[in-house]
Amino acid sequence: MPKKNGFEVLEEMKKYPQLQLLPVIMLTTSHREEDVVRAYEKGACSYIHKLIDLDEFKQLIKQFEHYWTCISRIPLVRE
């Protein structure tokens, strides 16, 4: 992202009450444990390492889509 990193975007989003319940998935190239911890501390609901192999990445996205659309339940956002 050109102007902010993912942590800054996450932090900014969580300042707004209407976005606090929105599930945020961190998709990153970082393997650093401190980045994982930081993401969850700032309100991320998942931390996924980007895979290099395109086919593996497509499979990962399909699994993740299935989880978020068929398995997981998120709260309704009220204004």
N, C-alpha and C. Protein backbone atom coordinates (compact mmCIF):
# COMPACT_ATOMS: atom_id res chain seq x y z
N MET A 1 0.85 -1.17 0.00
CA MET A 1 0.00 0.00 0.00
C MET A 1 0.90 1.24 0.00
N PRO A 2 0.57 2.17 -0.81
CA PRO A 2 1.50 3.29 -1.00
C PRO A 2 1.66 4.25 0.18
N LYS A 3 0.62 4.54 0.93
CA LYS A 3 0.73 5.58 1.96
C LYS A 3 0.72 5.05 3.38
N LYS A 4 0.09 3.91 3.61
CA LYS A 4 0.01 3.34 4.95
C LYS A 4 0.30 1.85 4.87
N ASN A 5 0.85 1.31 5.95
CA ASN A 5 1.03 -0.13 5.98
C ASN A 5 -0.23 -0.77 6.56
N GLY A 6 -0.29 -2.08 6.53
CA GLY A 6 -1.47 -2.79 7.00
C GLY A 6 -1.82 -2.53 8.46
N PHE A 7 -0.80 -2.39 9.29
CA PHE A 7 -1.05 -2.11 10.70
C PHE A 7 -1.69 -0.74 10.89
N GLU A 8 -1.23 0.23 10.12
CA GLU A 8 -1.79 1.58 10.20
C GLU A 8 -3.24 1.60 9.72
N VAL A 9 -3.52 0.87 8.66
CA VAL A 9 -4.90 0.79 8.16
C VAL A 9 -5.79 0.12 9.20
N LEU A 10 -5.34 -0.97 9.76
CA LEU A 10 -6.10 -1.68 10.79
C LEU A 10 -6.38 -0.78 11.99
N GLU A 11 -5.36 -0.09 12.45
CA GLU A 11 -5.50 0.81 13.59
C GLU A 11 -6.52 1.92 13.28
N GLU A 12 -6.45 2.47 12.09
CA GLU A 12 -7.37 3.54 11.69
C GLU A 12 -8.81 3.01 11.62
N MET A 13 -8.98 1.82 11.06
CA MET A 13 -10.32 1.23 10.95
C MET A 13 -10.95 1.02 12.32
N LYS A 14 -10.18 0.53 13.25
CA LYS A 14 -10.72 0.18 14.56
C LYS A 14 -11.07 1.40 15.41
N LYS A 15 -10.72 2.60 14.95
CA LYS A 15 -11.11 3.83 15.65
C LYS A 15 -12.60 4.13 15.48
N TYR A 16 -13.19 3.60 14.43
CA TYR A 16 -14.58 3.90 14.10
C TYR A 16 -15.50 2.81 14.64
N PRO A 17 -16.46 3.18 15.48
CA PRO A 17 -17.36 2.18 16.07
C PRO A 17 -18.06 1.31 15.03
N GLN A 18 -18.44 1.87 13.90
CA GLN A 18 -19.16 1.09 12.89
C GLN A 18 -18.25 0.07 12.19
N LEU A 19 -16.94 0.17 12.38
CA LEU A 19 -16.01 -0.78 11.77
C LEU A 19 -15.38 -1.73 12.78
N GLN A 20 -15.62 -1.52 14.06
CA GLN A 20 -14.95 -2.32 15.07
C GLN A 20 -15.28 -3.80 15.01
N LEU A 21 -16.47 -4.15 14.57
CA LEU A 21 -16.85 -5.56 14.49
C LEU A 21 -16.54 -6.19 13.14
N LEU A 22 -16.07 -5.38 12.20
CA LEU A 22 -15.74 -5.90 10.87
C LEU A 22 -14.52 -6.81 10.97
N PRO A 23 -14.64 -8.05 10.51
CA PRO A 23 -13.49 -8.95 10.55
C PRO A 23 -12.41 -8.46 9.59
N VAL A 24 -11.20 -8.37 10.09
CA VAL A 24 -10.07 -7.93 9.27
C VAL A 24 -9.04 -9.05 9.20
N ILE A 25 -8.68 -9.42 7.99
CA ILE A 25 -7.71 -10.47 7.75
C ILE A 25 -6.42 -9.82 7.28
N MET A 26 -5.34 -10.08 7.98
CA MET A 26 -4.04 -9.57 7.56
C MET A 26 -3.43 -10.58 6.59
N LEU A 27 -3.17 -10.15 5.37
CA LEU A 27 -2.54 -10.97 4.35
C LEU A 27 -1.17 -10.37 4.09
N THR A 28 -0.13 -11.11 4.41
CA THR A 28 1.21 -10.52 4.45
C THR A 28 2.29 -11.50 4.03
N THR A 29 3.46 -10.95 3.76
CA THR A 29 4.62 -11.79 3.47
C THR A 29 5.45 -12.05 4.73
N SER A 30 5.11 -11.40 5.81
CA SER A 30 5.91 -11.51 7.04
C SER A 30 5.63 -12.81 7.79
N HIS A 31 6.72 -13.43 8.24
CA HIS A 31 6.65 -14.61 9.10
C HIS A 31 6.95 -14.25 10.55
N ARG A 32 7.23 -12.99 10.80
CA ARG A 32 7.70 -12.57 12.13
C ARG A 32 6.61 -12.71 13.18
N GLU A 33 6.96 -13.38 14.27
CA GLU A 33 6.00 -13.61 15.36
C GLU A 33 5.49 -12.29 15.93
N GLU A 34 6.37 -11.30 16.04
CA GLU A 34 5.94 -10.01 16.58
C GLU A 34 4.90 -9.33 15.69
N ASP A 35 4.93 -9.59 14.38
CA ASP A 35 3.91 -9.05 13.48
C ASP A 35 2.57 -9.76 13.69
N VAL A 36 2.62 -11.05 13.93
CA VAL A 36 1.39 -11.81 14.22
C VAL A 36 0.75 -11.26 15.49
N VAL A 37 1.54 -11.13 16.53
CA VAL A 37 1.04 -10.62 17.81
C VAL A 37 0.48 -9.21 17.64
N ARG A 38 1.22 -8.36 16.95
CA ARG A 38 0.79 -6.97 16.74
C ARG A 38 -0.54 -6.90 15.99
N ALA A 39 -0.70 -7.74 14.98
CA ALA A 39 -1.95 -7.75 14.21
C ALA A 39 -3.14 -8.11 15.09
N TYR A 40 -3.00 -9.14 15.90
CA TYR A 40 -4.09 -9.53 16.79
C TYR A 40 -4.34 -8.49 17.88
N GLU A 41 -3.29 -7.89 18.39
CA GLU A 41 -3.46 -6.84 19.40
C GLU A 41 -4.22 -5.65 18.84
N LYS A 42 -4.06 -5.38 17.56
CA LYS A 42 -4.72 -4.23 16.94
C LYS A 42 -6.12 -4.57 16.42
N GLY A 43 -6.53 -5.84 16.56
CA GLY A 43 -7.91 -6.19 16.22
C GLY A 43 -8.11 -7.07 15.01
N ALA A 44 -7.05 -7.59 14.42
CA ALA A 44 -7.21 -8.52 13.30
C ALA A 44 -7.86 -9.81 13.79
N CYS A 45 -8.62 -10.44 12.92
CA CYS A 45 -9.25 -11.71 13.30
C CYS A 45 -8.51 -12.90 12.68
N SER A 46 -7.58 -12.61 11.79
CA SER A 46 -6.81 -13.68 11.17
C SER A 46 -5.52 -13.10 10.58
N TYR A 47 -4.51 -13.93 10.51
CA TYR A 47 -3.21 -13.53 9.97
C TYR A 47 -2.77 -14.62 9.01
N ILE A 48 -2.66 -14.29 7.75
CA ILE A 48 -2.34 -15.28 6.72
C ILE A 48 -1.06 -14.87 6.00
N HIS A 49 -0.16 -15.82 5.89
CA HIS A 49 1.06 -15.58 5.13
C HIS A 49 0.79 -15.83 3.65
N LYS A 50 1.18 -14.87 2.82
CA LYS A 50 1.01 -15.03 1.37
C LYS A 50 1.92 -16.15 0.89
N LEU A 51 1.34 -17.03 0.11
CA LEU A 51 2.11 -18.12 -0.47
C LEU A 51 2.71 -17.67 -1.80
N ILE A 52 3.87 -18.19 -2.13
CA ILE A 52 4.54 -17.84 -3.38
C ILE A 52 3.87 -18.54 -4.56
N ASP A 53 3.53 -19.80 -4.38
CA ASP A 53 2.95 -20.59 -5.46
C ASP A 53 1.50 -20.16 -5.71
N LEU A 54 1.18 -19.79 -6.93
CA LEU A 54 -0.14 -19.29 -7.26
C LEU A 54 -1.23 -20.33 -7.04
N ASP A 55 -1.00 -21.57 -7.41
CA ASP A 55 -2.01 -22.62 -7.21
C ASP A 55 -2.30 -22.84 -5.73
N GLU A 56 -1.25 -22.85 -4.91
CA GLU A 56 -1.44 -23.00 -3.46
C GLU A 56 -2.21 -21.81 -2.90
N PHE A 57 -1.89 -20.62 -3.40
CA PHE A 57 -2.58 -19.42 -2.93
C PHE A 57 -4.06 -19.47 -3.30
N LYS A 58 -4.37 -19.91 -4.51
CA LYS A 58 -5.78 -20.03 -4.93
C LYS A 58 -6.52 -21.01 -4.03
N GLN A 59 -5.90 -22.12 -3.71
CA GLN A 59 -6.52 -23.11 -2.82
C GLN A 59 -6.74 -22.53 -1.43
N LEU A 60 -5.77 -21.81 -0.93
CA LEU A 60 -5.90 -21.17 0.38
C LEU A 60 -7.08 -20.20 0.39
N ILE A 61 -7.21 -19.39 -0.65
CA ILE A 61 -8.30 -18.43 -0.73
C ILE A 61 -9.65 -19.15 -0.79
N LYS A 62 -9.74 -20.24 -1.52
CA LYS A 62 -10.99 -21.02 -1.58
C LYS A 62 -11.36 -21.55 -0.19
N GLN A 63 -10.38 -22.06 0.54
CA GLN A 63 -10.64 -22.55 1.89
C GLN A 63 -11.08 -21.43 2.81
N PHE A 64 -10.42 -20.31 2.68
CA PHE A 64 -10.75 -19.17 3.52
C PHE A 64 -12.14 -18.64 3.19
N GLU A 65 -12.46 -18.57 1.92
CA GLU A 65 -13.80 -18.14 1.50
C GLU A 65 -14.86 -19.08 2.07
N HIS A 66 -14.62 -20.36 2.00
CA HIS A 66 -15.57 -21.34 2.54
C HIS A 66 -15.76 -21.12 4.04
N TYR A 67 -14.68 -20.91 4.75
CA TYR A 67 -14.77 -20.68 6.18
C TYR A 67 -15.63 -19.46 6.49
N TRP A 68 -15.34 -18.33 5.83
CA TRP A 68 -16.03 -17.07 6.14
C TRP A 68 -17.45 -17.01 5.62
N THR A 69 -17.79 -17.78 4.60
CA THR A 69 -19.14 -17.72 4.05
C THR A 69 -20.04 -18.87 4.53
N CYS A 70 -19.45 -19.99 4.91
CA CYS A 70 -20.27 -21.16 5.27
C CYS A 70 -20.13 -21.59 6.73
N ILE A 71 -19.03 -21.32 7.36
CA ILE A 71 -18.78 -21.84 8.70
C ILE A 71 -18.87 -20.75 9.77
N SER A 72 -18.13 -19.69 9.57
CA SER A 72 -18.06 -18.63 10.58
C SER A 72 -19.31 -17.76 10.56
N ARG A 73 -19.62 -17.22 11.71
CA ARG A 73 -20.73 -16.27 11.83
C ARG A 73 -20.17 -15.00 12.44
N ILE A 74 -20.48 -13.88 11.81
CA ILE A 74 -20.03 -12.60 12.34
C ILE A 74 -21.24 -11.80 12.77
N PRO A 75 -21.08 -10.89 13.70
CA PRO A 75 -22.22 -10.10 14.18
C PRO A 75 -22.74 -9.15 13.10
N LEU A 76 -24.03 -8.89 13.18
CA LEU A 76 -24.61 -7.89 12.29
C LEU A 76 -24.14 -6.52 12.75
N VAL A 77 -23.76 -5.69 11.83
CA VAL A 77 -23.30 -4.35 12.17
C VAL A 77 -24.50 -3.43 12.21
N ARG A 78 -24.64 -2.72 13.31
CA ARG A 78 -25.74 -1.80 13.48
C ARG A 78 -25.19 -0.38 13.53
N GLU A 79 -25.94 0.54 12.94
CA GLU A 79 -25.52 1.95 12.98
C GLU A 79 -26.20 2.69 14.09
